[in-house]
Amino acid sequence: MIALLRGGAHALRMRSMTGYGSGSAEATGHQLNIQIE
């Protein structure tokens, strides 16, 4: 585990559990804007 934390070619790709993101798309056929948070 310590070796993995030190980094290198075989280091783990870590992700935090906390985050925020948003994305949007336009439905022009229905004249609507969709936003997802």
All heavy atoms as atom14 arrays in JSON, in Angstrom:
{
  "sequence": "MIALLRGGAHALRMRSMTGYGSGSAEATGHQLNIQIE",
  "atom14_mask": [
    [1, 1, 1, 1, 1, 1, 1, 1, 0, 0, 0, 0, 0, 0],
    [1, 1, 1, 1, 1, 1, 1, 1, 0, 0, 0, 0, 0, 0],
    [1, 1, 1, 1, 1, 0, 0, 0, 0, 0, 0, 0, 0, 0],
    [1, 1, 1, 1, 1, 1, 1, 1, 0, 0, 0, 0, 0, 0],
    [1, 1, 1, 1, 1, 1, 1, 1, 0, 0, 0, 0, 0, 0],
    [1, 1, 1, 1, 1, 1, 1, 1, 1, 1, 1, 0, 0, 0],
    [1, 1, 1, 1, 0, 0, 0, 0, 0, 0, 0, 0, 0, 0],
    [1, 1, 1, 1, 0, 0, 0, 0, 0, 0, 0, 0, 0, 0],
    [1, 1, 1, 1, 1, 0, 0, 0, 0, 0, 0, 0, 0, 0],
    [1, 1, 1, 1, 1, 1, 1, 1, 1, 1, 0, 0, 0, 0],
    [1, 1, 1, 1, 1, 0, 0, 0, 0, 0, 0, 0, 0, 0],
    [1, 1, 1, 1, 1, 1, 1, 1, 0, 0, 0, 0, 0, 0],
    [1, 1, 1, 1, 1, 1, 1, 1, 1, 1, 1, 0, 0, 0],
    [1, 1, 1, 1, 1, 1, 1, 1, 0, 0, 0, 0, 0, 0],
    [1, 1, 1, 1, 1, 1, 1, 1, 1, 1, 1, 0, 0, 0],
    [1, 1, 1, 1, 1, 1, 0, 0, 0, 0, 0, 0, 0, 0],
    [1, 1, 1, 1, 1, 1, 1, 1, 0, 0, 0, 0, 0, 0],
    [1, 1, 1, 1, 1, 1, 1, 0, 0, 0, 0, 0, 0, 0],
    [1, 1, 1, 1, 0, 0, 0, 0, 0, 0, 0, 0, 0, 0],
    [1, 1, 1, 1, 1, 1, 1, 1, 1, 1, 1, 1, 0, 0],
    [1, 1, 1, 1, 0, 0, 0, 0, 0, 0, 0, 0, 0, 0],
    [1, 1, 1, 1, 1, 1, 0, 0, 0, 0, 0, 0, 0, 0],
    [1, 1, 1, 1, 0, 0, 0, 0, 0, 0, 0, 0, 0, 0],
    [1, 1, 1, 1, 1, 1, 0, 0, 0, 0, 0, 0, 0, 0],
    [1, 1, 1, 1, 1, 0, 0, 0, 0, 0, 0, 0, 0, 0],
    [1, 1, 1, 1, 1, 1, 1, 1, 1, 0, 0, 0, 0, 0],
    [1, 1, 1, 1, 1, 0, 0, 0, 0, 0, 0, 0, 0, 0],
    [1, 1, 1, 1, 1, 1, 1, 0, 0, 0, 0, 0, 0, 0],
    [1, 1, 1, 1, 0, 0, 0, 0, 0, 0, 0, 0, 0, 0],
    [1, 1, 1, 1, 1, 1, 1, 1, 1, 1, 0, 0, 0, 0],
    [1, 1, 1, 1, 1, 1, 1, 1, 1, 0, 0, 0, 0, 0],
    [1, 1, 1, 1, 1, 1, 1, 1, 0, 0, 0, 0, 0, 0],
    [1, 1, 1, 1, 1, 1, 1, 1, 0, 0, 0, 0, 0, 0],
    [1, 1, 1, 1, 1, 1, 1, 1, 0, 0, 0, 0, 0, 0],
    [1, 1, 1, 1, 1, 1, 1, 1, 1, 0, 0, 0, 0, 0],
    [1, 1, 1, 1, 1, 1, 1, 1, 0, 0, 0, 0, 0, 0],
    [1, 1, 1, 1, 1, 1, 1, 1, 1, 0, 0, 0, 0, 0]
  ],
  "atom14_positions": [
    [[0.82, -1.21, 0.0], [0.0, 0.0, 0.0], [0.86, 1.26, 0.0], [0.6, 2.22, -0.71], [-0.92, -0.01, 1.24], [-1.9, 1.16, 1.29], [-3.04, 1.1, -0.11], [-4.12, 2.45, 0.29], [0.0, 0.0, 0.0], [0.0, 0.0, 0.0], [0.0, 0.0, 0.0], [0.0, 0.0, 0.0], [0.0, 0.0, 0.0], [0.0, 0.0, 0.0]],
    [[1.93, 1.25, 0.84], [2.83, 2.4, 0.89], [3.48, 2.64, -0.46], [3.61, 3.76, -0.93], [3.89, 2.21, 1.99], [3.22, 2.27, 3.37], [4.98, 3.26, 1.88], [4.16, 2.04, 4.52], [0.0, 0.0, 0.0], [0.0, 0.0, 0.0], [0.0, 0.0, 0.0], [0.0, 0.0, 0.0], [0.0, 0.0, 0.0], [0.0, 0.0, 0.0]],
    [[3.86, 1.52, -1.12], [4.48, 1.64, -2.44], [3.53, 2.27, -3.44], [3.92, 3.08, -4.28], [4.93, 0.26, -2.92], [0.0, 0.0, 0.0], [0.0, 0.0, 0.0], [0.0, 0.0, 0.0], [0.0, 0.0, 0.0], [0.0, 0.0, 0.0], [0.0, 0.0, 0.0], [0.0, 0.0, 0.0], [0.0, 0.0, 0.0], [0.0, 0.0, 0.0]],
    [[2.25, 1.92, -3.34], [1.26, 2.48, -4.25], [1.07, 3.97, -3.99], [0.92, 4.77, -4.92], [-0.08, 1.74, -4.08], [-0.11, 0.31, -4.61], [-1.42, -0.37, -4.2], [0.04, 0.28, -6.12], [0.0, 0.0, 0.0], [0.0, 0.0, 0.0], [0.0, 0.0, 0.0], [0.0, 0.0, 0.0], [0.0, 0.0, 0.0], [0.0, 0.0, 0.0]],
    [[1.08, 4.37, -2.7], [0.92, 5.78, -2.36], [2.11, 6.6, -2.83], [1.99, 7.79, -3.11], [0.73, 5.94, -0.84], [-0.62, 5.49, -0.3], [-0.6, 5.54, 1.22], [-1.75, 6.37, -0.84], [0.0, 0.0, 0.0], [0.0, 0.0, 0.0], [0.0, 0.0, 0.0], [0.0, 0.0, 0.0], [0.0, 0.0, 0.0], [0.0, 0.0, 0.0]],
    [[3.28, 5.98, -2.9], [4.47, 6.71, -3.32], [4.4, 7.07, -4.8], [5.15, 7.91, -5.28], [5.71, 5.87, -3.05], [6.09, 5.83, -1.57], [7.24, 4.89, -1.33], [7.65, 4.89, 0.06], [8.46, 4.01, 0.6], [8.97, 3.04, -0.15], [8.79, 4.06, 1.88], [0.0, 0.0, 0.0], [0.0, 0.0, 0.0], [0.0, 0.0, 0.0]],
    [[3.49, 6.44, -5.54], [3.34, 6.76, -6.95], [4.12, 5.83, -7.83], [4.55, 4.76, -7.43], [0.0, 0.0, 0.0], [0.0, 0.0, 0.0], [0.0, 0.0, 0.0], [0.0, 0.0, 0.0], [0.0, 0.0, 0.0], [0.0, 0.0, 0.0], [0.0, 0.0, 0.0], [0.0, 0.0, 0.0], [0.0, 0.0, 0.0], [0.0, 0.0, 0.0]],
    [[4.31, 6.25, -9.09], [5.04, 5.41, -10.03], [4.1, 4.81, -11.05], [2.91, 5.11, -11.1], [0.0, 0.0, 0.0], [0.0, 0.0, 0.0], [0.0, 0.0, 0.0], [0.0, 0.0, 0.0], [0.0, 0.0, 0.0], [0.0, 0.0, 0.0], [0.0, 0.0, 0.0], [0.0, 0.0, 0.0], [0.0, 0.0, 0.0], [0.0, 0.0, 0.0]],
    [[4.63, 3.92, -11.86], [3.86, 3.36, -12.97], [2.66, 2.57, -12.51], [1.66, 2.46, -13.22], [4.78, 2.48, -13.83], [0.0, 0.0, 0.0], [0.0, 0.0, 0.0], [0.0, 0.0, 0.0], [0.0, 0.0, 0.0], [0.0, 0.0, 0.0], [0.0, 0.0, 0.0], [0.0, 0.0, 0.0], [0.0, 0.0, 0.0], [0.0, 0.0, 0.0]],
    [[2.76, 1.99, -11.31], [1.67, 1.13, -10.84], [0.85, 1.81, -9.74], [0.15, 1.13, -8.98], [2.24, -0.19, -10.32], [3.01, -0.94, -11.36], [2.4, -1.55, -12.44], [4.35, -1.16, -11.5], [3.34, -2.13, -13.19], [4.51, -1.9, -12.64], [0.0, 0.0, 0.0], [0.0, 0.0, 0.0], [0.0, 0.0, 0.0], [0.0, 0.0, 0.0]],
    [[0.92, 3.13, -9.64], [0.17, 3.84, -8.61], [-1.32, 3.74, -8.87], [-1.79, 3.66, -10.01], [0.59, 5.31, -8.58], [0.0, 0.0, 0.0], [0.0, 0.0, 0.0], [0.0, 0.0, 0.0], [0.0, 0.0, 0.0], [0.0, 0.0, 0.0], [0.0, 0.0, 0.0], [0.0, 0.0, 0.0], [0.0, 0.0, 0.0], [0.0, 0.0, 0.0]],
    [[-2.09, 3.75, -7.8], [-3.53, 3.68, -7.93], [-4.09, 4.98, -8.51], [-3.59, 6.07, -8.21], [-4.16, 3.46, -6.54], [-3.99, 2.07, -5.92], [-4.54, 2.1, -4.49], [-4.71, 1.02, -6.74], [0.0, 0.0, 0.0], [0.0, 0.0, 0.0], [0.0, 0.0, 0.0], [0.0, 0.0, 0.0], [0.0, 0.0, 0.0], [0.0, 0.0, 0.0]],
    [[-5.14, 4.88, -9.33], [-5.85, 6.06, -9.79], [-6.97, 6.33, -8.8], [-7.99, 5.65, -8.79], [-6.42, 5.83, -11.2], [-7.08, 7.09, -11.77], [-7.67, 6.83, -13.12], [-8.24, 8.04, -13.68], [-8.94, 8.07, -14.81], [-9.14, 6.96, -15.49], [-9.43, 9.21, -15.25], [0.0, 0.0, 0.0], [0.0, 0.0, 0.0], [0.0, 0.0, 0.0]],
    [[-6.76, 7.31, -7.95], [-7.68, 7.57, -6.85], [-8.73, 8.59, -7.25], [-8.49, 9.47, -8.08], [-6.91, 8.06, -5.62], [-5.87, 7.08, -5.1], [-4.87, 7.81, -3.8], [-6.13, 8.14, -2.55], [0.0, 0.0, 0.0], [0.0, 0.0, 0.0], [0.0, 0.0, 0.0], [0.0, 0.0, 0.0], [0.0, 0.0, 0.0], [0.0, 0.0, 0.0]],
    [[-9.91, 8.47, -6.63], [-10.98, 9.46, -6.81], [-11.58, 9.8, -5.46], [-11.86, 8.9, -4.67], [-12.08, 8.93, -7.73], [-11.76, 8.98, -9.21], [-12.92, 8.47, -10.04], [-12.64, 8.54, -11.46], [-13.44, 8.05, -12.4], [-14.56, 7.44, -12.04], [-13.13, 8.15, -13.67], [0.0, 0.0, 0.0], [0.0, 0.0, 0.0], [0.0, 0.0, 0.0]],
    [[-11.75, 11.07, -5.22], [-12.41, 11.49, -3.99], [-13.88, 11.11, -4.08], [-14.45, 10.97, -5.16], [-12.26, 13.0, -3.82], [-13.09, 13.47, -2.79], [0.0, 0.0, 0.0], [0.0, 0.0, 0.0], [0.0, 0.0, 0.0], [0.0, 0.0, 0.0], [0.0, 0.0, 0.0], [0.0, 0.0, 0.0], [0.0, 0.0, 0.0], [0.0, 0.0, 0.0]],
    [[-14.51, 10.94, -2.91], [-15.95, 10.64, -2.89], [-16.78, 11.91, -3.01], [-17.97, 11.85, -3.29], [-16.32, 9.91, -1.58], [-15.75, 8.5, -1.49], [-16.25, 7.47, -2.88], [-18.04, 7.56, -2.76], [0.0, 0.0, 0.0], [0.0, 0.0, 0.0], [0.0, 0.0, 0.0], [0.0, 0.0, 0.0], [0.0, 0.0, 0.0], [0.0, 0.0, 0.0]],
    [[-16.17, 13.06, -2.8], [-16.9, 14.33, -2.82], [-16.65, 15.06, -4.13], [-15.51, 15.2, -4.57], [-16.46, 15.22, -1.65], [-16.66, 14.5, -0.43], [-17.27, 16.5, -1.62], [0.0, 0.0, 0.0], [0.0, 0.0, 0.0], [0.0, 0.0, 0.0], [0.0, 0.0, 0.0], [0.0, 0.0, 0.0], [0.0, 0.0, 0.0], [0.0, 0.0, 0.0]],
    [[-17.73, 15.51, -4.76], [-17.55, 16.24, -6.02], [-18.83, 16.92, -6.48], [-19.92, 16.71, -5.94], [0.0, 0.0, 0.0], [0.0, 0.0, 0.0], [0.0, 0.0, 0.0], [0.0, 0.0, 0.0], [0.0, 0.0, 0.0], [0.0, 0.0, 0.0], [0.0, 0.0, 0.0], [0.0, 0.0, 0.0], [0.0, 0.0, 0.0], [0.0, 0.0, 0.0]],
    [[-18.67, 17.77, -7.5], [-19.81, 18.47, -8.11], [-19.53, 18.58, -9.6], [-18.4, 18.82, -10.03], [-19.98, 19.87, -7.52], [-20.95, 20.73, -8.31], [-22.32, 20.64, -8.09], [-20.48, 21.6, -9.3], [-23.21, 21.4, -8.84], [-21.36, 22.36, -10.04], [-22.72, 22.26, -9.81], [-23.61, 23.01, -10.56], [0.0, 0.0, 0.0], [0.0, 0.0, 0.0]],
    [[-20.58, 18.41, -10.38], [-20.45, 18.57, -11.82], [-21.76, 18.98, -12.45], [-22.83, 18.74, -11.88], [0.0, 0.0, 0.0], [0.0, 0.0, 0.0], [0.0, 0.0, 0.0], [0.0, 0.0, 0.0], [0.0, 0.0, 0.0], [0.0, 0.0, 0.0], [0.0, 0.0, 0.0], [0.0, 0.0, 0.0], [0.0, 0.0, 0.0], [0.0, 0.0, 0.0]],
    [[-21.68, 19.59, -13.6], [-22.9, 19.98, -14.31], [-22.69, 19.81, -15.81], [-21.57, 19.88, -16.31], [-23.27, 21.44, -14.0], [-22.28, 22.33, -14.49], [0.0, 0.0, 0.0], [0.0, 0.0, 0.0], [0.0, 0.0, 0.0], [0.0, 0.0, 0.0], [0.0, 0.0, 0.0], [0.0, 0.0, 0.0], [0.0, 0.0, 0.0], [0.0, 0.0, 0.0]],
    [[-23.79, 19.56, -16.49], [-23.76, 19.42, -17.94], [-25.09, 19.88, -18.52], [-26.1, 19.9, -17.81], [0.0, 0.0, 0.0], [0.0, 0.0, 0.0], [0.0, 0.0, 0.0], [0.0, 0.0, 0.0], [0.0, 0.0, 0.0], [0.0, 0.0, 0.0], [0.0, 0.0, 0.0], [0.0, 0.0, 0.0], [0.0, 0.0, 0.0], [0.0, 0.0, 0.0]],
    [[-25.09, 20.28, -19.76], [-26.33, 20.78, -20.36], [-26.42, 20.37, -21.83], [-25.41, 20.0, -22.45], [-26.42, 22.3, -20.24], [-25.35, 22.92, -20.93], [0.0, 0.0, 0.0], [0.0, 0.0, 0.0], [0.0, 0.0, 0.0], [0.0, 0.0, 0.0], [0.0, 0.0, 0.0], [0.0, 0.0, 0.0], [0.0, 0.0, 0.0], [0.0, 0.0, 0.0]],
    [[-27.62, 20.44, -22.35], [-27.86, 20.13, -23.76], [-29.14, 20.85, -24.18], [-30.04, 21.08, -23.36], [-28.0, 18.63, -23.99], [0.0, 0.0, 0.0], [0.0, 0.0, 0.0], [0.0, 0.0, 0.0], [0.0, 0.0, 0.0], [0.0, 0.0, 0.0], [0.0, 0.0, 0.0], [0.0, 0.0, 0.0], [0.0, 0.0, 0.0], [0.0, 0.0, 0.0]],
    [[-29.2, 21.2, -25.46], [-30.38, 21.88, -25.99], [-31.21, 20.92, -26.82], [-30.68, 20.23, -27.7], [-29.96, 23.08, -26.85], [-29.33, 24.2, -26.07], [-29.02, 25.41, -26.94], [-29.2, 25.3, -28.19], [-28.61, 26.45, -26.4], [0.0, 0.0, 0.0], [0.0, 0.0, 0.0], [0.0, 0.0, 0.0], [0.0, 0.0, 0.0], [0.0, 0.0, 0.0]],
    [[-32.5, 20.87, -26.5], [-33.44, 20.09, -27.3], [-34.16, 21.08, -28.21], [-35.25, 21.57, -27.88], [-34.42, 19.35, -26.4], [0.0, 0.0, 0.0], [0.0, 0.0, 0.0], [0.0, 0.0, 0.0], [0.0, 0.0, 0.0], [0.0, 0.0, 0.0], [0.0, 0.0, 0.0], [0.0, 0.0, 0.0], [0.0, 0.0, 0.0], [0.0, 0.0, 0.0]],
    [[-33.54, 21.4, -29.33], [-34.06, 22.46, -30.19], [-35.43, 22.12, -30.76], [-36.24, 23.0, -31.0], [-33.08, 22.74, -31.34], [-32.79, 21.52, -32.02], [-31.77, 23.31, -30.79], [0.0, 0.0, 0.0], [0.0, 0.0, 0.0], [0.0, 0.0, 0.0], [0.0, 0.0, 0.0], [0.0, 0.0, 0.0], [0.0, 0.0, 0.0], [0.0, 0.0, 0.0]],
    [[-35.69, 20.81, -30.96], [-36.98, 20.42, -31.5], [-38.13, 20.76, -30.57], [-39.27, 20.96, -31.01], [0.0, 0.0, 0.0], [0.0, 0.0, 0.0], [0.0, 0.0, 0.0], [0.0, 0.0, 0.0], [0.0, 0.0, 0.0], [0.0, 0.0, 0.0], [0.0, 0.0, 0.0], [0.0, 0.0, 0.0], [0.0, 0.0, 0.0], [0.0, 0.0, 0.0]],
    [[-37.86, 20.82, -29.28], [-38.88, 21.15, -28.28], [-38.63, 22.51, -27.64], [-39.35, 22.9, -26.72], [-38.92, 20.08, -27.19], [-39.36, 18.73, -27.68], [-40.7, 18.38, -27.84], [-38.65, 17.64, -28.07], [-40.78, 17.14, -28.26], [-39.55, 16.66, -28.42], [0.0, 0.0, 0.0], [0.0, 0.0, 0.0], [0.0, 0.0, 0.0], [0.0, 0.0, 0.0]],
    [[-37.6, 23.21, -28.14], [-37.26, 24.54, -27.61], [-37.03, 24.51, -26.1], [-37.52, 25.36, -25.35], [-38.36, 25.55, -27.96], [-38.4, 25.93, -29.44], [-37.11, 26.63, -29.88], [-36.79, 27.73, -29.43], [-36.36, 25.96, -30.76], [0.0, 0.0, 0.0], [0.0, 0.0, 0.0], [0.0, 0.0, 0.0], [0.0, 0.0, 0.0], [0.0, 0.0, 0.0]],
    [[-36.27, 23.5, -25.67], [-35.99, 23.34, -24.25], [-34.48, 23.24, -24.02], [-33.75, 22.74, -24.86], [-36.66, 22.07, -23.7], [-38.2, 22.05, -23.68], [-38.69, 20.67, -23.25], [-38.75, 23.11, -22.75], [0.0, 0.0, 0.0], [0.0, 0.0, 0.0], [0.0, 0.0, 0.0], [0.0, 0.0, 0.0], [0.0, 0.0, 0.0], [0.0, 0.0, 0.0]],
    [[-34.09, 23.74, -22.87], [-32.71, 23.58, -22.41], [-32.71, 22.64, -21.22], [-33.5, 22.8, -20.28], [-32.11, 24.93, -22.01], [-30.67, 24.78, -21.55], [-29.77, 24.51, -22.34], [-30.43, 24.96, -20.26], [0.0, 0.0, 0.0], [0.0, 0.0, 0.0], [0.0, 0.0, 0.0], [0.0, 0.0, 0.0], [0.0, 0.0, 0.0], [0.0, 0.0, 0.0]],
    [[-31.84, 21.64, -21.27], [-31.76, 20.64, -20.19], [-30.43, 20.82, -19.46], [-29.38, 20.83, -20.09], [-31.86, 19.21, -20.74], [-33.22, 19.02, -21.43], [-31.68, 18.18, -19.62], [-33.33, 17.72, -22.2], [0.0, 0.0, 0.0], [0.0, 0.0, 0.0], [0.0, 0.0, 0.0], [0.0, 0.0, 0.0], [0.0, 0.0, 0.0], [0.0, 0.0, 0.0]],
    [[-30.5, 20.98, -18.16], [-29.29, 21.09, -17.35], [-29.33, 20.04, -16.25], [-30.35, 19.86, -15.58], [-29.16, 22.47, -16.72], [-27.88, 22.64, -15.9], [-27.71, 24.04, -15.34], [-28.57, 24.89, -15.48], [-26.58, 24.29, -14.71], [0.0, 0.0, 0.0], [0.0, 0.0, 0.0], [0.0, 0.0, 0.0], [0.0, 0.0, 0.0], [0.0, 0.0, 0.0]],
    [[-28.23, 19.33, -16.08], [-28.13, 18.31, -15.03], [-26.99, 18.69, -14.1], [-25.86, 18.93, -14.55], [-27.89, 16.91, -15.63], [-29.13, 16.46, -16.4], [-27.55, 15.91, -14.53], [-29.02, 15.06, -16.99], [0.0, 0.0, 0.0], [0.0, 0.0, 0.0], [0.0, 0.0, 0.0], [0.0, 0.0, 0.0], [0.0, 0.0, 0.0], [0.0, 0.0, 0.0]],
    [[-27.3, 18.76, -12.82], [-26.29, 19.01, -11.79], [-26.14, 17.75, -10.94], [-27.13, 17.1, -10.61], [-26.7, 20.2, -10.92], [-26.74, 21.51, -11.68], [-27.1, 22.68, -10.78], [-27.49, 22.43, -9.61], [-26.99, 23.83, -11.23], [0.0, 0.0, 0.0], [0.0, 0.0, 0.0], [0.0, 0.0, 0.0], [0.0, 0.0, 0.0], [0.0, 0.0, 0.0]]
  ]
}
